[in-house]
Amino acid sequence: MGSFSIWHWLIVLAVILLLFGGAGKIPRLMRDMGQGINAFKKGLKEDGKDKGDADPDKALETDRAAATQKDNVAS
């Protein structure tokens, strides 16, 4: 059971920094992370609205139907 590995020292250092970094750091960090996640979700919803919420399967069926109609007209 010799000396600690680098991972042990990194974890100890992280805990010390969190303890002496101030009591408000952890809640502020979690709030910022939550706001980032909400902004990401909102961006995904807006991106879907811009594309018209197109369903790839329906688009494929529409393309097939259009191709079939063209073949019938050409015949």
PDB file of N, CA and C in Angstrom:
ATOM      1  N   MET A   1       0.841  -1.175   0.000  1.00  0.00           N
ATOM      2  CA  MET A   1       0.000   0.000   0.000  1.00  0.00           C
ATOM      3  C   MET A   1       0.891   1.245   0.000  1.00  0.00           C
ATOM      4  N   GLY A   2       1.656   1.410  -1.033  1.00  0.00           N
ATOM      5  CA  GLY A   2       2.596   2.521  -1.138  1.00  0.00           C
ATOM      6  C   GLY A   2       1.894   3.854  -1.312  1.00  0.00           C
ATOM      7  N   SER A   3       2.467   4.678  -2.111  1.00  0.00           N
ATOM      8  CA  SER A   3       1.930   6.027  -2.293  1.00  0.00           C
ATOM      9  C   SER A   3       0.663   5.994  -3.140  1.00  0.00           C
ATOM     10  N   PHE A   4      -0.052   7.079  -3.077  1.00  0.00           N
ATOM     11  CA  PHE A   4      -1.300   7.191  -3.839  1.00  0.00           C
ATOM     12  C   PHE A   4      -1.000   7.397  -5.318  1.00  0.00           C
ATOM     13  N   SER A   5      -1.958   7.018  -6.156  1.00  0.00           N
ATOM     14  CA  SER A   5      -1.791   7.220  -7.594  1.00  0.00           C
ATOM     15  C   SER A   5      -2.163   8.661  -7.948  1.00  0.00           C
ATOM     16  N   ILE A   6      -1.955   9.019  -9.184  1.00  0.00           N
ATOM     17  CA  ILE A   6      -2.272  10.373  -9.641  1.00  0.00           C
ATOM     18  C   ILE A   6      -3.768  10.663  -9.518  1.00  0.00           C
ATOM     19  N   TRP A   7      -4.604   9.631  -9.720  1.00  0.00           N
ATOM     20  CA  TRP A   7      -6.059   9.837  -9.625  1.00  0.00           C
ATOM     21  C   TRP A   7      -6.477  10.162  -8.197  1.00  0.00           C
ATOM     22  N   HIS A   8      -5.853   9.540  -7.219  1.00  0.00           N
ATOM     23  CA  HIS A   8      -6.153   9.857  -5.822  1.00  0.00           C
ATOM     24  C   HIS A   8      -5.821  11.314  -5.523  1.00  0.00           C
ATOM     25  N   TRP A   9      -4.657  11.758  -5.985  1.00  0.00           N
ATOM     26  CA  TRP A   9      -4.248  13.137  -5.726  1.00  0.00           C
ATOM     27  C   TRP A   9      -5.157  14.127  -6.450  1.00  0.00           C
ATOM     28  N   LEU A  10      -5.605  13.799  -7.650  1.00  0.00           N
ATOM     29  CA  LEU A  10      -6.520  14.696  -8.380  1.00  0.00           C
ATOM     30  C   LEU A  10      -7.865  14.811  -7.674  1.00  0.00           C
ATOM     31  N   ILE A  11      -8.356  13.705  -7.134  1.00  0.00           N
ATOM     32  CA  ILE A  11      -9.628  13.741  -6.412  1.00  0.00           C
ATOM     33  C   ILE A  11      -9.484  14.549  -5.130  1.00  0.00           C
ATOM     34  N   VAL A  12      -8.407  14.346  -4.404  1.00  0.00           N
ATOM     35  CA  VAL A  12      -8.158  15.110  -3.171  1.00  0.00           C
ATOM     36  C   VAL A  12      -8.055  16.594  -3.498  1.00  0.00           C
ATOM     37  N   LEU A  13      -7.350  16.927  -4.547  1.00  0.00           N
ATOM     38  CA  LEU A  13      -7.215  18.328  -4.954  1.00  0.00           C
ATOM     39  C   LEU A  13      -8.567  18.936  -5.331  1.00  0.00           C
ATOM     40  N   ALA A  14      -9.394  18.181  -6.046  1.00  0.00           N
ATOM     41  CA  ALA A  14     -10.719  18.671  -6.427  1.00  0.00           C
ATOM     42  C   ALA A  14     -11.591  18.922  -5.195  1.00  0.00           C
ATOM     43  N   VAL A  15     -11.548  18.014  -4.233  1.00  0.00           N
ATOM     44  CA  VAL A  15     -12.333  18.183  -3.006  1.00  0.00           C
ATOM     45  C   VAL A  15     -11.860  19.406  -2.235  1.00  0.00           C
ATOM     46  N   ILE A  16     -10.560  19.590  -2.126  1.00  0.00           N
ATOM     47  CA  ILE A  16     -10.018  20.754  -1.412  1.00  0.00           C
ATOM     48  C   ILE A  16     -10.430  22.051  -2.103  1.00  0.00           C
ATOM     49  N   LEU A  17     -10.348  22.067  -3.424  1.00  0.00           N
ATOM     50  CA  LEU A  17     -10.744  23.268  -4.164  1.00  0.00           C
ATOM     51  C   LEU A  17     -12.227  23.574  -3.973  1.00  0.00           C
ATOM     52  N   LEU A  18     -13.059  22.540  -3.963  1.00  0.00           N
ATOM     53  CA  LEU A  18     -14.490  22.762  -3.754  1.00  0.00           C
ATOM     54  C   LEU A  18     -14.778  23.259  -2.343  1.00  0.00           C
ATOM     55  N   LEU A  19     -14.071  22.703  -1.346  1.00  0.00           N
ATOM     56  CA  LEU A  19     -14.305  23.115   0.039  1.00  0.00           C
ATOM     57  C   LEU A  19     -13.849  24.548   0.293  1.00  0.00           C
ATOM     58  N   PHE A  20     -12.700  24.903  -0.247  1.00  0.00           N
ATOM     59  CA  PHE A  20     -12.167  26.234   0.011  1.00  0.00           C
ATOM     60  C   PHE A  20     -12.537  27.251  -1.065  1.00  0.00           C
ATOM     61  N   GLY A  21     -13.253  26.805  -2.070  1.00  0.00           N
ATOM     62  CA  GLY A  21     -13.671  27.709  -3.140  1.00  0.00           C
ATOM     63  C   GLY A  21     -14.862  28.556  -2.751  1.00  0.00           C
ATOM     64  N   GLY A  22     -15.504  28.238  -1.678  1.00  0.00           N
ATOM     65  CA  GLY A  22     -16.657  29.009  -1.226  1.00  0.00           C
ATOM     66  C   GLY A  22     -17.907  28.154  -1.248  1.00  0.00           C
ATOM     67  N   ALA A  23     -18.830  28.491  -0.355  1.00  0.00           N
ATOM     68  CA  ALA A  23     -20.054  27.704  -0.226  1.00  0.00           C
ATOM     69  C   ALA A  23     -21.000  27.918  -1.398  1.00  0.00           C
ATOM     70  N   GLY A  24     -20.909  29.051  -2.055  1.00  0.00           N
ATOM     71  CA  GLY A  24     -21.842  29.346  -3.137  1.00  0.00           C
ATOM     72  C   GLY A  24     -21.428  28.789  -4.483  1.00  0.00           C
ATOM     73  N   LYS A  25     -20.246  28.224  -4.574  1.00  0.00           N
ATOM     74  CA  LYS A  25     -19.757  27.753  -5.874  1.00  0.00           C
ATOM     75  C   LYS A  25     -20.534  26.559  -6.395  1.00  0.00           C
ATOM     76  N   ILE A  26     -20.820  25.594  -5.542  1.00  0.00           N
ATOM     77  CA  ILE A  26     -21.490  24.380  -6.002  1.00  0.00           C
ATOM     78  C   ILE A  26     -22.913  24.689  -6.473  1.00  0.00           C
ATOM     79  N   PRO A  27     -23.737  25.398  -5.702  1.00  0.00           N
ATOM     80  CA  PRO A  27     -25.077  25.721  -6.205  1.00  0.00           C
ATOM     81  C   PRO A  27     -25.032  26.566  -7.481  1.00  0.00           C
ATOM     82  N   ARG A  28     -24.094  27.480  -7.559  1.00  0.00           N
ATOM     83  CA  ARG A  28     -23.971  28.319  -8.754  1.00  0.00           C
ATOM     84  C   ARG A  28     -23.571  27.469  -9.960  1.00  0.00           C
ATOM     85  N   LEU A  29     -22.672  26.539  -9.739  1.00  0.00           N
ATOM     86  CA  LEU A  29     -22.236  25.640 -10.804  1.00  0.00           C
ATOM     87  C   LEU A  29     -23.394  24.768 -11.289  1.00  0.00           C
ATOM     88  N   MET A  30     -24.175  24.228 -10.368  1.00  0.00           N
ATOM     89  CA  MET A  30     -25.314  23.386 -10.734  1.00  0.00           C
ATOM     90  C   MET A  30     -26.397  24.201 -11.451  1.00  0.00           C
ATOM     91  N   ARG A  31     -26.631  25.439 -11.010  1.00  0.00           N
ATOM     92  CA  ARG A  31     -27.615  26.297 -11.672  1.00  0.00           C
ATOM     93  C   ARG A  31     -27.179  26.607 -13.103  1.00  0.00           C
ATOM     94  N   ASP A  32     -25.907  26.915 -13.283  1.00  0.00           N
ATOM     95  CA  ASP A  32     -25.389  27.188 -14.621  1.00  0.00           C
ATOM     96  C   ASP A  32     -25.504  25.961 -15.521  1.00  0.00           C
ATOM     97  N   MET A  33     -25.241  24.774 -14.955  1.00  0.00           N
ATOM     98  CA  MET A  33     -25.359  23.552 -15.743  1.00  0.00           C
ATOM     99  C   MET A  33     -26.821  23.318 -16.135  1.00  0.00           C
ATOM    100  N   GLY A  34     -27.740  23.537 -15.217  1.00  0.00           N
ATOM    101  CA  GLY A  34     -29.168  23.381 -15.506  1.00  0.00           C
ATOM    102  C   GLY A  34     -29.639  24.347 -16.575  1.00  0.00           C
ATOM    103  N   GLN A  35     -29.187  25.583 -16.505  1.00  0.00           N
ATOM    104  CA  GLN A  35     -29.557  26.562 -17.526  1.00  0.00           C
ATOM    105  C   GLN A  35     -28.992  26.161 -18.891  1.00  0.00           C
ATOM    106  N   GLY A  36     -27.807  25.610 -18.906  1.00  0.00           N
ATOM    107  CA  GLY A  36     -27.217  25.144 -20.161  1.00  0.00           C
ATOM    108  C   GLY A  36     -28.006  23.999 -20.767  1.00  0.00           C
ATOM    109  N   ILE A  37     -28.449  23.071 -19.924  1.00  0.00           N
ATOM    110  CA  ILE A  37     -29.243  21.948 -20.409  1.00  0.00           C
ATOM    111  C   ILE A  37     -30.579  22.444 -20.948  1.00  0.00           C
ATOM    112  N   ASN A  38     -31.222  23.374 -20.247  1.00  0.00           N
ATOM    113  CA  ASN A  38     -32.490  23.922 -20.722  1.00  0.00           C
ATOM    114  C   ASN A  38     -32.322  24.651 -22.040  1.00  0.00           C
ATOM    115  N   ALA A  39     -31.253  25.407 -22.179  1.00  0.00           N
ATOM    116  CA  ALA A  39     -31.007  26.112 -23.442  1.00  0.00           C
ATOM    117  C   ALA A  39     -30.776  25.109 -24.569  1.00  0.00           C
ATOM    118  N   PHE A  40     -30.086  24.016 -24.289  1.00  0.00           N
ATOM    119  CA  PHE A  40     -29.848  22.981 -25.293  1.00  0.00           C
ATOM    120  C   PHE A  40     -31.164  22.354 -25.739  1.00  0.00           C
ATOM    121  N   LYS A  41     -32.040  22.011 -24.776  1.00  0.00           N
ATOM    122  CA  LYS A  41     -33.331  21.422 -25.113  1.00  0.00           C
ATOM    123  C   LYS A  41     -34.185  22.391 -25.917  1.00  0.00           C
ATOM    124  N   LYS A  42     -34.172  23.665 -25.525  1.00  0.00           N
ATOM    125  CA  LYS A  42     -34.938  24.675 -26.255  1.00  0.00           C
ATOM    126  C   LYS A  42     -34.421  24.808 -27.687  1.00  0.00           C
ATOM    127  N   GLY A  43     -33.114  24.752 -27.858  1.00  0.00           N
ATOM    128  CA  GLY A  43     -32.533  24.821 -29.190  1.00  0.00           C
ATOM    129  C   GLY A  43     -32.946  23.638 -30.050  1.00  0.00           C
ATOM    130  N   LEU A  44     -33.024  22.449 -29.449  1.00  0.00           N
ATOM    131  CA  LEU A  44     -33.458  21.276 -30.204  1.00  0.00           C
ATOM    132  C   LEU A  44     -34.914  21.409 -30.638  1.00  0.00           C
ATOM    133  N   LYS A  45     -35.763  21.944 -29.754  1.00  0.00           N
ATOM    134  CA  LYS A  45     -37.175  22.125 -30.105  1.00  0.00           C
ATOM    135  C   LYS A  45     -37.327  23.142 -31.226  1.00  0.00           C
ATOM    136  N   GLU A  46     -36.581  24.240 -31.147  1.00  0.00           N
ATOM    137  CA  GLU A  46     -36.668  25.268 -32.188  1.00  0.00           C
ATOM    138  C   GLU A  46     -36.140  24.742 -33.510  1.00  0.00           C
ATOM    139  N   ASP A  47     -35.110  23.917 -33.464  1.00  0.00           N
ATOM    140  CA  ASP A  47     -34.549  23.339 -34.682  1.00  0.00           C
ATOM    141  C   ASP A  47     -35.579  22.438 -35.357  1.00  0.00           C
ATOM    142  N   GLY A  48     -36.338  21.681 -34.572  1.00  0.00           N
ATOM    143  CA  GLY A  48     -37.381  20.811 -35.118  1.00  0.00           C
ATOM    144  C   GLY A  48     -38.512  21.602 -35.741  1.00  0.00           C
ATOM    145  N   LYS A  49     -38.846  22.743 -35.160  1.00  0.00           N
ATOM    146  CA  LYS A  49     -39.915  23.583 -35.703  1.00  0.00           C
ATOM    147  C   LYS A  49     -39.492  24.219 -37.014  1.00  0.00           C
ATOM    148  N   ASP A  50     -38.218  24.600 -37.127  1.00  0.00           N
ATOM    149  CA  ASP A  50     -37.735  25.220 -38.352  1.00  0.00           C
ATOM    150  C   ASP A  50     -37.801  24.249 -39.525  1.00  0.00           C
ATOM    151  N   LYS A  51     -37.602  22.979 -39.263  1.00  0.00           N
ATOM    152  CA  LYS A  51     -37.621  21.979 -40.330  1.00  0.00           C
ATOM    153  C   LYS A  51     -39.025  21.475 -40.608  1.00  0.00           C
ATOM    154  N   GLY A  52     -40.009  21.958 -39.906  1.00  0.00           N
ATOM    155  CA  GLY A  52     -41.385  21.546 -40.135  1.00  0.00           C
ATOM    156  C   GLY A  52     -41.720  20.199 -39.520  1.00  0.00           C
ATOM    157  N   ASP A  53     -40.903  19.747 -38.591  1.00  0.00           N
ATOM    158  CA  ASP A  53     -41.123  18.458 -37.929  1.00  0.00           C
ATOM    159  C   ASP A  53     -41.339  17.353 -38.953  1.00  0.00           C
ATOM    160  N   ALA A  54     -40.553  17.354 -39.994  1.00  0.00           N
ATOM    161  CA  ALA A  54     -40.680  16.371 -41.060  1.00  0.00           C
ATOM    162  C   ALA A  54     -40.299  14.989 -40.547  1.00  0.00           C
ATOM    163  N   ASP A  55     -41.145  14.029 -40.877  1.00  0.00           N
ATOM    164  CA  ASP A  55     -40.879  12.643 -40.530  1.00  0.00           C
ATOM    165  C   ASP A  55     -40.166  12.003 -41.714  1.00  0.00           C
ATOM    166  N   PRO A  56     -38.978  11.463 -41.534  1.00  0.00           N
ATOM    167  CA  PRO A  56     -38.232  10.906 -42.660  1.00  0.00           C
ATOM    168  C   PRO A  56     -38.975   9.781 -43.370  1.00  0.00           C
ATOM    169  N   ASP A  57     -39.743   8.969 -42.618  1.00  0.00           N
ATOM    170  CA  ASP A  57     -40.485   7.880 -43.247  1.00  0.00           C
ATOM    171  C   ASP A  57     -41.582   8.411 -44.156  1.00  0.00           C
ATOM    172  N   LYS A  58     -42.271   9.464 -43.729  1.00  0.00           N
ATOM    173  CA  LYS A  58     -43.327  10.048 -44.552  1.00  0.00           C
ATOM    174  C   LYS A  58     -42.732  10.694 -45.796  1.00  0.00           C
ATOM    175  N   ALA A  59     -41.586  11.327 -45.654  1.00  0.00           N
ATOM    176  CA  ALA A  59     -40.935  11.948 -46.803  1.00  0.00           C
ATOM    177  C   ALA A  59     -40.539  10.878 -47.818  1.00  0.00           C
ATOM    178  N   LEU A  60     -40.069   9.746 -47.353  1.00  0.00           N
ATOM    179  CA  LEU A  60     -39.680   8.652 -48.239  1.00  0.00           C
ATOM    180  C   LEU A  60     -40.902   8.107 -48.969  1.00  0.00           C
ATOM    181  N   GLU A  61     -42.025   7.947 -48.253  1.00  0.00           N
ATOM    182  CA  GLU A  61     -43.255   7.470 -48.881  1.00  0.00           C
ATOM    183  C   GLU A  61     -43.749   8.458 -49.935  1.00  0.00           C
ATOM    184  N   THR A  62     -43.639   9.755 -49.643  1.00  0.00           N
ATOM    185  CA  THR A  62     -44.059  10.779 -50.587  1.00  0.00           C
ATOM    186  C   THR A  62     -43.192  10.729 -51.841  1.00  0.00           C
ATOM    187  N   ASP A  63     -41.897  10.560 -51.674  1.00  0.00           N
ATOM    188  CA  ASP A  63     -40.993  10.465 -52.817  1.00  0.00           C
ATOM    189  C   ASP A  63     -41.309   9.237 -53.666  1.00  0.00           C
ATOM    190  N   ARG A  64     -41.597   8.121 -53.033  1.00  0.00           N
ATOM    191  CA  ARG A  64     -41.942   6.899 -53.768  1.00  0.00           C
ATOM    192  C   ARG A  64     -43.243   7.084 -54.541  1.00  0.00           C
ATOM    193  N   ALA A  65     -44.230   7.719 -53.897  1.00  0.00           N
ATOM    194  CA  ALA A  65     -45.510   7.940 -54.565  1.00  0.00           C
ATOM    195  C   ALA A  65     -45.332   8.858 -55.771  1.00  0.00           C
ATOM    196  N   ALA A  66     -44.501   9.877 -55.640  1.00  0.00           N
ATOM    197  CA  ALA A  66     -44.262  10.793 -56.750  1.00  0.00           C
ATOM    198  C   ALA A  66     -43.547  10.074 -57.890  1.00  0.00           C
ATOM    199  N   ALA A  67     -42.606   9.216 -57.566  1.00  0.00           N
ATOM    200  CA  ALA A  67     -41.896   8.466 -58.599  1.00  0.00           C
ATOM    201  C   ALA A  67     -42.836   7.500 -59.307  1.00  0.00           C
ATOM    202  N   THR A  68     -43.737   6.877 -58.563  1.00  0.00           N
ATOM    203  CA  THR A  68     -44.698   5.952 -59.154  1.00  0.00           C
ATOM    204  C   THR A  68     -45.636   6.700 -60.097  1.00  0.00           C
ATOM    205  N   GLN A  69     -46.073   7.885 -59.711  1.00  0.00           N
ATOM    206  CA  GLN A  69     -46.958   8.685 -60.564  1.00  0.00           C
ATOM    207  C   GLN A  69     -46.249   9.096 -61.841  1.00  0.00           C
ATOM    208  N   LYS A  70     -44.976   9.455 -61.745  1.00  0.00           N
ATOM    209  CA  LYS A  70     -44.222   9.832 -62.939  1.00  0.00           C
ATOM    210  C   LYS A  70     -44.091   8.652 -63.888  1.00  0.00           C
ATOM    211  N   ASP A  71     -43.856   7.457 -63.324  1.00  0.00           N
ATOM    212  CA  ASP A  71     -43.745   6.247 -64.149  1.00  0.00           C
ATOM    213  C   ASP A  71     -45.069   5.942 -64.845  1.00  0.00           C
ATOM    214  N   ASN A  72     -46.183   6.130 -64.133  1.00  0.00           N
ATOM    215  CA  ASN A  72     -47.503   5.867 -64.720  1.00  0.00           C
ATOM    216  C   ASN A  72     -47.820   6.860 -65.825  1.00  0.00           C
ATOM    217  N   VAL A  73     -47.449   8.125 -65.660  1.00  0.00           N
ATOM    218  CA  VAL A  73     -47.722   9.136 -66.660  1.00  0.00           C
ATOM    219  C   VAL A  73     -46.847   8.916 -67.892  1.00  0.00           C
ATOM    220  N   ALA A  74     -45.607   8.520 -67.681  1.00  0.00           N
ATOM    221  CA  ALA A  74     -44.671   8.303 -68.785  1.00  0.00           C
ATOM    222  C   ALA A  74     -45.062   7.083 -69.605  1.00  0.00           C
ATOM    223  N   SER A  75     -45.785   6.142 -69.019  1.00  0.00           N
ATOM    224  CA  SER A  75     -46.140   4.892 -69.728  1.00  0.00           C
ATOM    225  C   SER A  75     -47.231   5.082 -70.687  1.00  0.00           C
TER     226      SER A  75
END
